[in-house]
Protein backbone atom coordinates (compact mmCIF):
# COMPACT_ATOMS: atom_id res chain seq x y z
CA UNK A 1 27.15 32.74 24.90
CA UNK A 2 29.84 32.36 22.10
CA UNK A 3 27.75 34.21 18.60
CA UNK A 4 31.30 34.74 16.68
CA UNK A 5 34.50 33.38 16.64
CA UNK A 6 37.79 35.58 15.86
CA UNK A 7 40.71 33.86 14.21
CA UNK A 8 44.70 34.61 14.31
CA UNK A 9 45.89 33.71 10.43
CA UNK A 10 49.45 32.56 11.24
CA UNK A 11 49.79 29.12 13.43
CA UNK A 12 45.84 29.13 13.71
CA UNK A 13 44.63 28.97 10.10
CA UNK A 14 48.04 28.61 8.00
CA UNK A 15 51.66 27.32 9.38
CA UNK A 16 53.87 30.39 9.68
CA UNK A 17 57.53 28.66 10.17
CA UNK A 18 60.58 30.52 8.99
CA UNK A 19 62.37 27.81 9.81
CA UNK A 20 61.23 26.10 6.53
CA UNK A 21 62.61 28.86 4.06
CA UNK A 22 65.55 29.31 6.26
CA UNK A 23 66.29 25.52 6.06
CA UNK A 24 65.50 25.88 2.22
CA UNK A 25 67.59 28.92 1.31
CA UNK A 26 70.45 29.30 3.28
CA UNK A 27 73.43 27.10 2.76
CA UNK A 28 74.73 26.91 6.19
CA UNK A 29 73.58 26.69 10.13
CA UNK A 30 75.30 30.52 10.45
CA UNK A 31 73.15 31.60 7.47
CA UNK A 32 70.07 30.21 9.00
CA UNK A 33 70.62 32.27 12.82
CA UNK A 34 71.72 35.61 11.52
CA UNK A 35 68.89 35.59 8.67
CA UNK A 36 66.33 34.37 11.24
CA UNK A 37 67.70 37.30 14.15
CA UNK A 38 67.97 39.96 11.46
CA UNK A 39 64.86 39.97 8.97
CA UNK A 40 61.89 37.45 10.90
CA UNK A 41 62.89 38.53 14.28
CA UNK A 42 63.98 42.30 13.28
CA UNK A 43 62.24 45.69 13.21
CA UNK A 44 61.52 45.48 9.65
CA UNK A 45 59.17 42.61 10.06
CA UNK A 46 56.93 44.55 12.17
CA UNK A 47 57.36 47.32 10.27
CA UNK A 48 55.65 44.85 6.94
CA UNK A 49 52.66 43.92 9.19
CA UNK A 50 51.90 47.81 10.27
CA UNK A 51 51.88 48.30 6.33
CA UNK A 52 54.80 51.08 6.45
CA UNK A 53 57.26 48.98 4.80
CA UNK A 54 57.77 46.88 1.50
CA UNK A 55 59.58 43.72 0.62
CA UNK A 56 61.79 45.61 -1.30
CA UNK A 57 62.48 48.13 2.04
CA UNK A 58 62.80 45.01 3.82
CA UNK A 59 65.66 43.75 1.96
CA UNK A 60 67.37 46.99 1.60
CA UNK A 61 67.37 47.77 5.13
CA UNK A 62 68.09 44.54 6.51
CA UNK A 63 70.44 43.56 4.26
CA UNK A 64 73.06 46.52 5.79
CA UNK A 65 73.36 44.55 9.10
CA UNK A 66 74.11 41.09 7.11
CA UNK A 67 77.25 40.35 5.79
CA UNK A 68 77.38 40.40 1.54
CA UNK A 69 77.66 36.44 1.40
CA UNK A 70 73.96 36.61 2.98
CA UNK A 71 72.55 38.73 0.61
CA UNK A 72 71.27 35.97 -2.00
CA UNK A 73 70.06 33.73 0.87
CA UNK A 74 68.15 36.96 2.34
CA UNK A 75 66.72 37.93 -0.99
CA UNK A 76 65.18 34.27 -0.72
CA UNK A 77 63.93 34.66 2.45
CA UNK A 78 62.06 38.13 2.33
CA UNK A 79 60.27 37.33 -0.89
CA UNK A 80 59.38 33.22 -0.64
CA UNK A 81 58.93 33.11 3.18
CA UNK A 82 55.94 32.05 1.66
CA UNK A 83 56.58 28.39 0.99
CA UNK A 84 56.33 27.84 4.88
CA UNK A 85 52.24 28.54 4.16
CA UNK A 86 50.30 25.14 5.11
CA UNK A 87 47.04 24.84 6.52
CA UNK A 88 47.16 24.33 10.19
CA UNK A 89 45.48 20.74 10.67
CA UNK A 90 42.11 20.32 11.92
CA UNK A 91 41.36 24.11 11.10
CA UNK A 92 39.00 23.90 7.98
CA UNK A 93 37.25 21.16 9.61
CA UNK A 94 36.79 23.52 12.97
CA UNK A 95 35.44 26.68 10.62
CA UNK A 96 32.94 24.58 9.28
CA UNK A 97 32.04 23.01 12.25
CA UNK A 98 31.61 26.72 13.45
CA UNK A 99 29.59 27.97 10.65
CA UNK A 100 27.36 24.61 10.64
CA UNK A 101 26.73 25.84 14.87
CA UNK A 102 25.31 29.51 13.11
CA UNK A 103 28.59 31.13 14.67
CA UNK A 104 30.01 34.48 12.79
CA UNK A 105 33.87 33.63 11.45
CA UNK A 106 36.14 36.77 11.47
CA UNK A 107 39.78 36.93 10.55
CA UNK A 108 42.47 39.06 12.48
CA UNK A 109 45.95 38.83 11.55
CA UNK A 110 49.23 40.73 11.94
CA UNK A 111 50.07 40.88 8.27
CA UNK A 112 51.95 42.37 5.44
CA UNK A 113 49.79 43.28 2.47
CA UNK A 114 50.79 40.23 0.68
CA UNK A 115 48.56 38.84 3.37
CA UNK A 116 46.17 39.23 0.10
CA UNK A 117 47.96 36.86 -2.55
CA UNK A 118 48.35 33.95 -0.03
CA UNK A 119 45.37 33.97 2.17
CA UNK A 120 43.03 31.87 -0.26
CA UNK A 121 45.44 28.80 -0.12
CA UNK A 122 43.18 28.55 2.79
CA UNK A 123 39.88 29.57 1.98
CA UNK A 124 38.03 32.10 -0.35
CA UNK A 125 38.30 35.50 1.39
CA UNK A 126 33.92 35.23 1.41
CA UNK A 127 34.22 32.10 3.63
CA UNK A 128 34.49 34.58 6.44
CA UNK A 129 32.15 37.48 7.37
CA UNK A 130 34.93 39.81 7.88
CA UNK A 131 38.64 39.92 7.48
CA UNK A 132 41.12 42.60 9.04
CA UNK A 133 44.54 43.15 8.46
CA UNK A 134 47.02 44.97 10.77
CA UNK A 135 48.85 46.73 7.26
CA UNK A 136 45.50 48.31 5.85
CA UNK A 137 45.07 49.80 9.63
CA UNK A 138 48.50 50.35 10.58
CA UNK A 139 48.19 49.36 13.98
CA UNK A 140 48.75 45.29 14.84
CA UNK A 141 48.16 43.25 17.82
CA UNK A 142 47.82 43.57 21.18
CA UNK A 143 46.93 46.97 20.52
CA UNK A 144 43.31 48.27 21.83
CA UNK A 145 42.66 49.98 18.24
CA UNK A 146 42.52 46.87 15.81
CA UNK A 147 40.00 44.78 18.31
CA UNK A 148 37.91 47.68 18.68
CA UNK A 149 38.38 48.44 14.97
CA UNK A 150 36.62 44.58 14.52
CA UNK A 151 34.27 45.29 16.65
CA UNK A 152 33.17 48.58 15.56
CA UNK A 153 33.30 47.07 12.11
CA UNK A 154 31.62 44.33 12.15
CA UNK A 155 28.48 45.73 14.90
CA UNK A 156 29.88 42.38 17.44
CA UNK A 157 29.52 42.88 21.38
CA UNK A 158 32.49 41.80 22.61
CA UNK A 159 30.73 39.41 25.08
CA UNK A 160 29.70 37.77 22.01
CA UNK A 161 33.14 36.96 20.89
CA UNK A 162 35.85 33.98 21.12
CA UNK A 163 38.95 34.98 19.99
CA UNK A 164 41.86 32.62 19.44
CA UNK A 165 45.44 33.43 18.79
CA UNK A 166 48.79 31.63 19.19
CA UNK A 167 50.15 34.14 21.02
CA UNK A 168 48.95 35.06 24.45
CA UNK A 169 49.85 38.59 24.78
CA UNK A 170 47.47 38.83 22.13
CA UNK A 171 44.96 37.17 23.91
CA UNK A 172 45.13 39.55 26.97
CA UNK A 173 44.60 42.27 24.35
CA UNK A 174 41.50 41.20 23.41
CA UNK A 175 40.22 40.48 27.11
CA UNK A 176 40.77 44.06 27.69
CA UNK A 177 38.23 44.87 25.76
CA UNK A 178 35.81 42.35 27.39
CA UNK A 179 36.17 39.57 24.25
CA UNK A 180 36.65 36.08 25.51
CA UNK A 181 39.51 34.70 24.84
CA UNK A 182 41.72 31.37 24.04
CA UNK A 183 45.54 30.70 23.55
CA UNK A 184 45.88 28.02 20.39
CA UNK A 185 48.15 25.28 21.46
CA UNK A 186 46.83 23.42 18.99
CA UNK A 187 43.55 21.86 19.82
CA UNK A 188 40.34 23.02 18.70
CA UNK A 189 38.79 20.30 20.36
CA UNK A 190 39.88 21.54 23.70
CA UNK A 191 38.18 25.41 22.36
CA UNK A 192 35.20 23.97 21.66
CA UNK A 193 34.86 21.84 25.18
CA UNK A 194 35.89 25.03 27.10
CA UNK A 195 33.42 27.26 25.04
CA UNK A 196 30.66 24.77 24.39
CA UNK A 197 30.66 25.63 20.94
């Protein structure tokens, strides 16, 4: 029986869509394509999630691969990507419903330290029973150690937990420790039915 829900943040609780800052800050489609590839899909983004690079360091590193004419747009995307963040439709209702059923609620996110600056646009930190952010541990999903940290820190049994993430490889990572998993496809009702929540 499911007693605890562990939720990813990006595209489960808050919409993460790089297309939003790219459209806002870039002058051309070429700029959008270059900055998407070099920033949002580049190694520096993961280094940020691991807690090894600040925004300033990300910018300084990525700009070496980007034409100078794009540096202004790049900087705006580095520091202003949060404009895309808004609650996923139905996410708060799902969390309140789970809470009303007596389930524990936890967040497990691959995110840089600025998570702590923007996450409360979704809910206060104390709304959840626990929050684990990758940059604090220098580990990212789907590494086994990050799921183990959640279980051990909050004394959770894997068979009592359901992990919801929009990325299948992250769900598989949790499954390797015996945690139930659901790939989120913008349908909380389907998850409730499947797991009798």
